[in-house]
């Protein structure tokens, strides 16, 4: 009789343990963000702040991100097919008809980069008239820029981000390109580009120059195809981001205005 009781007790405990493990299992979320490569063709790691944000969200929400670095256009297509979440999408009216968005992740400056020997003054979009500007396929540089694309100026779409884009600029295949960076000042962005990609012209003079003001400054977000059954995770992410900013676990959002 004692043996039967012990057997039943052990069986009940094993069921309880299995249930507890199942309850603690992390939700897997497929996450897409843009791939970027350096001068040697090696993928550039995510920035420290982005890695910190992902680790923070995984801990706070008991989730695990399955990260995929791919060309941005492909990332958007996958998300529209209901295959996962995007990290780093800005909001436009057109996108808002298809995607649900989280609270802002960070501010993103869209900087105008030229060859220094072919630079021109930039103050407003009219200054781009007749020029060819390189952008990453699937990205938005802000609704005003997007509206004037291929009318006031021409755009050339690049599949990926990184060194290949700068090589096109160095070879004068475009007049300028939009460089996607943080909210900083032009000189910091300029120094980073020239140092990071090590493309020099004769005499070791810097090759690339950055206009003094960005074409636009936007906020980036997590985004998913609109689906009321699946978008609750975005609400949880937004709540965690706001909590983290309030208690200091996450840095304050730099105001893009």
Protein backbone atom coordinates (compact mmCIF):
# COMPACT_ATOMS: atom_id res chain seq x y z
CA UNK A 1 0.00 0.00 0.00
CA UNK A 2 2.87 2.34 0.87
CA UNK A 3 4.51 1.51 -2.47
CA UNK A 4 1.35 2.39 -4.39
CA UNK A 5 1.03 5.69 -2.53
CA UNK A 6 4.67 6.55 -3.21
CA UNK A 7 4.28 5.71 -6.89
CA UNK A 8 1.21 7.92 -7.19
CA UNK A 9 2.98 10.77 -5.37
CA UNK A 10 6.03 10.59 -7.64
CA UNK A 11 3.83 10.49 -10.71
CA UNK A 12 1.89 13.57 -9.54
CA UNK A 13 5.12 15.42 -8.82
CA UNK A 14 6.48 14.58 -12.27
CA UNK A 15 3.34 15.94 -13.92
CA UNK A 16 3.57 19.12 -11.86
CA UNK A 17 7.21 19.56 -12.78
CA UNK A 18 6.49 19.08 -16.50
CA UNK A 19 3.64 21.57 -16.31
CA UNK A 20 5.90 24.10 -14.60
CA UNK A 21 8.60 23.72 -17.26
CA UNK A 22 6.02 24.10 -20.00
CA UNK A 23 4.62 27.23 -18.35
CA UNK A 24 8.11 28.73 -18.22
CA UNK A 25 9.00 27.93 -21.85
CA UNK A 26 9.95 31.06 -23.76
CA UNK A 27 7.83 32.24 -26.65
CA UNK A 28 9.87 32.19 -29.86
CA UNK A 29 9.59 35.27 -32.10
CA UNK A 30 11.10 35.40 -35.55
CA UNK A 31 12.66 38.85 -35.90
CA UNK A 32 13.93 40.45 -39.11
CA UNK A 33 16.28 43.40 -39.38
CA UNK A 34 18.55 44.72 -42.11
CA UNK A 35 21.87 43.06 -42.87
CA UNK A 36 24.93 45.27 -43.19
CA UNK A 37 28.45 44.29 -44.30
CA UNK A 38 31.89 45.83 -43.82
CA UNK A 39 34.74 46.39 -46.28
CA UNK A 40 35.75 42.72 -46.09
CA UNK A 41 32.24 41.43 -46.69
CA UNK A 42 31.77 40.44 -43.06
CA UNK A 43 28.40 41.09 -41.49
CA UNK A 44 28.44 44.08 -39.14
CA UNK A 45 27.07 43.09 -35.70
CA UNK A 46 24.04 44.79 -34.23
CA UNK A 47 24.88 47.90 -32.27
CA UNK A 48 25.32 47.67 -28.52
CA UNK A 49 22.11 49.61 -27.76
CA UNK A 50 20.07 47.32 -30.03
CA UNK A 51 21.53 44.18 -28.45
CA UNK A 52 20.82 45.59 -25.00
CA UNK A 53 17.21 46.30 -25.99
CA UNK A 54 16.66 42.77 -27.31
CA UNK A 55 18.20 41.19 -24.22
CA UNK A 56 16.10 43.43 -21.98
CA UNK A 57 12.86 42.50 -23.78
CA UNK A 58 13.69 38.79 -23.71
CA UNK A 59 14.20 38.93 -19.96
CA UNK A 60 11.19 41.13 -19.19
CA UNK A 61 8.71 39.28 -21.40
CA UNK A 62 10.07 35.71 -21.18
CA UNK A 63 10.49 35.57 -24.95
CA UNK A 64 13.33 34.62 -27.27
CA UNK A 65 14.06 36.37 -30.56
CA UNK A 66 15.05 34.25 -33.54
CA UNK A 67 17.08 36.94 -35.31
CA UNK A 68 17.45 37.02 -39.10
CA UNK A 69 19.63 39.65 -40.83
CA UNK A 70 18.41 39.98 -44.44
CA UNK A 71 17.95 42.67 -47.13
CA UNK A 72 15.29 45.09 -45.92
CA UNK A 73 12.93 44.57 -48.85
CA UNK A 74 12.90 40.83 -48.21
CA UNK A 75 12.31 41.43 -44.50
CA UNK A 76 9.24 43.52 -45.31
CA UNK A 77 7.91 40.91 -47.73
CA UNK A 78 8.33 38.17 -45.11
CA UNK A 79 6.55 40.24 -42.48
CA UNK A 80 3.67 41.00 -44.87
CA UNK A 81 3.28 37.25 -45.34
CA UNK A 82 2.80 36.94 -41.59
CA UNK A 83 6.25 35.48 -41.08
CA UNK A 84 7.57 37.30 -38.04
CA UNK A 85 8.32 40.78 -36.78
CA UNK A 86 10.43 43.66 -38.09
CA UNK A 87 12.92 45.68 -36.08
CA UNK A 88 13.72 49.17 -37.31
CA UNK A 89 10.74 50.28 -39.40
CA UNK A 90 9.70 53.94 -39.52
CA UNK A 91 6.03 54.90 -39.74
CA UNK A 92 4.42 56.26 -42.89
CA UNK A 93 0.77 56.62 -43.80
CA UNK A 94 1.03 53.83 -46.36
CA UNK A 95 2.78 51.47 -43.96
CA UNK A 96 0.22 52.16 -41.24
CA UNK A 97 -2.43 50.62 -43.47
CA UNK A 98 -0.56 47.29 -43.39
CA UNK A 99 1.52 47.24 -40.22
CA UNK A 100 1.01 47.66 -36.49
CA UNK A 101 3.85 49.41 -34.64
CA UNK A 102 5.40 49.43 -31.20
CA UNK A 103 6.60 52.41 -29.20
CA UNK A 104 9.71 53.98 -30.78
CA UNK A 105 12.98 52.08 -30.44
CA UNK A 106 15.27 54.96 -31.35
CA UNK A 107 15.67 58.01 -33.55
CA UNK A 108 17.16 57.58 -37.00
CA UNK A 109 18.88 60.27 -39.04
CA UNK A 110 18.83 60.03 -42.84
CA UNK A 111 22.08 61.72 -43.87
CA UNK A 112 23.14 62.87 -47.33
CA UNK A 113 26.59 61.53 -48.26
CA UNK A 114 28.61 62.69 -51.29
CA UNK A 115 32.12 62.37 -52.60
CA UNK A 116 33.98 65.33 -51.12
CA UNK A 117 35.18 66.41 -54.57
CA UNK A 118 31.58 66.43 -55.83
CA UNK A 119 29.80 67.81 -52.78
CA UNK A 120 27.02 70.38 -53.03
CA UNK A 121 25.15 72.55 -50.58
CA UNK A 122 22.05 70.92 -49.13
CA UNK A 123 19.39 72.85 -47.25
CA UNK A 124 16.12 71.56 -48.73
CA UNK A 125 14.86 68.89 -51.13
CA UNK A 126 14.92 71.38 -54.03
CA UNK A 127 18.72 71.20 -53.79
CA UNK A 128 18.49 67.59 -55.01
CA UNK A 129 16.80 68.53 -58.28
CA UNK A 130 18.12 66.50 -61.20
CA UNK A 131 20.44 64.38 -59.08
CA UNK A 132 20.54 60.61 -58.59
CA UNK A 133 20.32 59.53 -54.96
CA UNK A 134 21.01 56.02 -53.70
CA UNK A 135 18.64 54.54 -51.11
CA UNK A 136 18.23 51.05 -49.66
CA UNK A 137 15.36 49.24 -51.35
CA UNK A 138 12.22 49.13 -49.22
CA UNK A 139 13.24 51.96 -46.90
CA UNK A 140 11.52 55.29 -46.36
CA UNK A 141 13.46 58.56 -46.09
CA UNK A 142 10.35 60.35 -44.87
CA UNK A 143 7.07 60.96 -46.66
CA UNK A 144 8.16 64.25 -48.26
CA UNK A 145 11.32 62.72 -49.74
CA UNK A 146 9.40 59.62 -50.85
CA UNK A 147 6.78 61.79 -52.56
CA UNK A 148 9.40 63.64 -54.64
CA UNK A 149 11.41 60.54 -55.56
CA UNK A 150 11.73 60.00 -59.33
CA UNK A 151 10.14 63.37 -59.93
CA UNK A 152 12.30 66.12 -58.46
CA UNK A 153 15.27 63.74 -58.34
CA UNK A 154 15.97 60.13 -59.30
CA UNK A 155 16.54 57.32 -56.83
CA UNK A 156 18.64 54.22 -57.33
CA UNK A 157 17.72 51.28 -55.15
CA UNK A 158 20.40 49.30 -53.37
CA UNK A 159 19.72 45.75 -52.24
CA UNK A 160 21.74 45.92 -49.04
CA UNK A 161 23.42 48.35 -46.69
CA UNK A 162 27.12 48.94 -46.27
CA UNK A 163 30.29 48.99 -48.33
CA UNK A 164 28.78 48.23 -51.74
CA UNK A 165 26.74 51.41 -51.53
CA UNK A 166 29.82 53.51 -50.80
CA UNK A 167 31.68 51.87 -53.68
CA UNK A 168 28.92 52.98 -56.06
CA UNK A 169 29.31 56.51 -54.75
CA UNK A 170 33.10 56.34 -55.02
CA UNK A 171 32.76 55.25 -58.67
CA UNK A 172 30.41 58.20 -59.33
CA UNK A 173 27.49 55.97 -60.27
CA UNK A 174 25.25 58.13 -58.05
CA UNK A 175 25.54 61.78 -57.04
CA UNK A 176 24.82 61.07 -53.41
CA UNK A 177 23.30 58.48 -51.15
CA UNK A 178 21.17 58.40 -48.02
CA UNK A 179 23.07 57.01 -45.06
CA UNK A 180 20.96 55.65 -42.23
CA UNK A 181 22.51 56.59 -38.89
CA UNK A 182 21.71 57.86 -35.46
CA UNK A 183 20.75 61.34 -34.36
CA UNK A 184 24.18 62.90 -34.12
CA UNK A 185 26.07 65.64 -35.90
CA UNK A 186 27.33 65.51 -39.47
CA UNK A 187 31.02 65.43 -38.55
CA UNK A 188 30.60 62.39 -36.31
CA UNK A 189 28.74 60.53 -39.07
CA UNK A 190 31.36 61.60 -41.63
CA UNK A 191 34.28 60.46 -39.50
CA UNK A 192 32.57 57.15 -38.79
CA UNK A 193 31.96 56.41 -42.48
CA UNK A 194 35.49 57.27 -43.59
CA UNK A 195 37.10 55.39 -40.69
CA UNK A 196 34.85 52.35 -40.82
CA UNK A 197 35.01 51.58 -44.51
CA UNK A 198 38.59 52.61 -45.23
CA UNK A 199 38.04 53.72 -48.81
CA UNK A 200 40.68 56.35 -49.51
CA UNK A 201 41.53 58.49 -52.47
CA UNK A 202 45.02 59.64 -53.50
CA UNK A 203 46.91 61.38 -50.72
CA UNK A 204 44.82 59.62 -48.02
CA UNK A 205 42.35 62.52 -47.99
CA UNK A 206 38.86 61.66 -46.84
CA UNK A 207 36.67 60.57 -49.70
CA UNK A 208 33.16 60.97 -48.30
CA UNK A 209 31.50 64.11 -46.95
CA UNK A 210 28.19 64.40 -45.10
CA UNK A 211 25.79 67.34 -45.46
CA UNK A 212 25.46 69.48 -42.34
CA UNK A 213 21.80 68.62 -41.79
CA UNK A 214 19.95 65.33 -42.26
CA UNK A 215 17.35 64.97 -45.00
CA UNK A 216 14.97 63.72 -42.31
CA UNK A 217 14.91 62.33 -38.79
CA UNK A 218 12.47 59.54 -38.05
CA UNK A 219 11.74 57.08 -35.26
CA UNK A 220 12.20 53.34 -35.72
CA UNK A 221 9.83 50.72 -34.32
CA UNK A 222 9.09 47.05 -34.05
CA UNK A 223 6.37 46.24 -36.58
CA UNK A 224 4.12 43.35 -37.62
CA UNK A 225 1.46 42.78 -40.21
CA UNK A 226 -1.86 43.94 -38.78
CA UNK A 227 -3.46 40.94 -37.09
CA UNK A 228 -5.42 41.42 -33.87
CA UNK A 229 -4.68 37.84 -32.77
CA UNK A 230 -0.89 38.28 -33.11
CA UNK A 231 -0.27 41.97 -32.40
CA UNK A 232 -0.65 41.66 -28.64
CA UNK A 233 3.09 41.00 -28.41
CA UNK A 234 3.68 44.53 -29.74
CA UNK A 235 1.60 45.93 -26.90
CA UNK A 236 3.69 43.95 -24.40
CA UNK A 237 6.90 45.17 -26.03
CA UNK A 238 5.68 48.77 -25.92
CA UNK A 239 4.79 48.48 -22.24
CA UNK A 240 8.22 47.00 -21.47
CA UNK A 241 10.00 49.77 -23.41
CA UNK A 242 8.10 52.48 -21.54
CA UNK A 243 8.81 50.78 -18.21
CA UNK A 244 12.51 50.47 -19.05
CA UNK A 245 12.81 54.13 -19.97
CA UNK A 246 11.05 55.13 -16.78
CA UNK A 247 13.20 53.06 -14.43
CA UNK A 248 16.47 53.66 -16.30
CA UNK A 249 16.92 50.14 -17.67
CA UNK A 250 16.72 51.61 -21.17
CA UNK A 251 18.10 54.96 -22.37
CA UNK A 252 15.71 57.83 -22.97
CA UNK A 253 14.48 58.30 -26.51
CA UNK A 254 16.37 61.07 -28.29
CA UNK A 255 13.70 63.45 -29.55
CA UNK A 256 13.77 63.49 -33.38
CA UNK A 257 11.94 66.85 -33.59
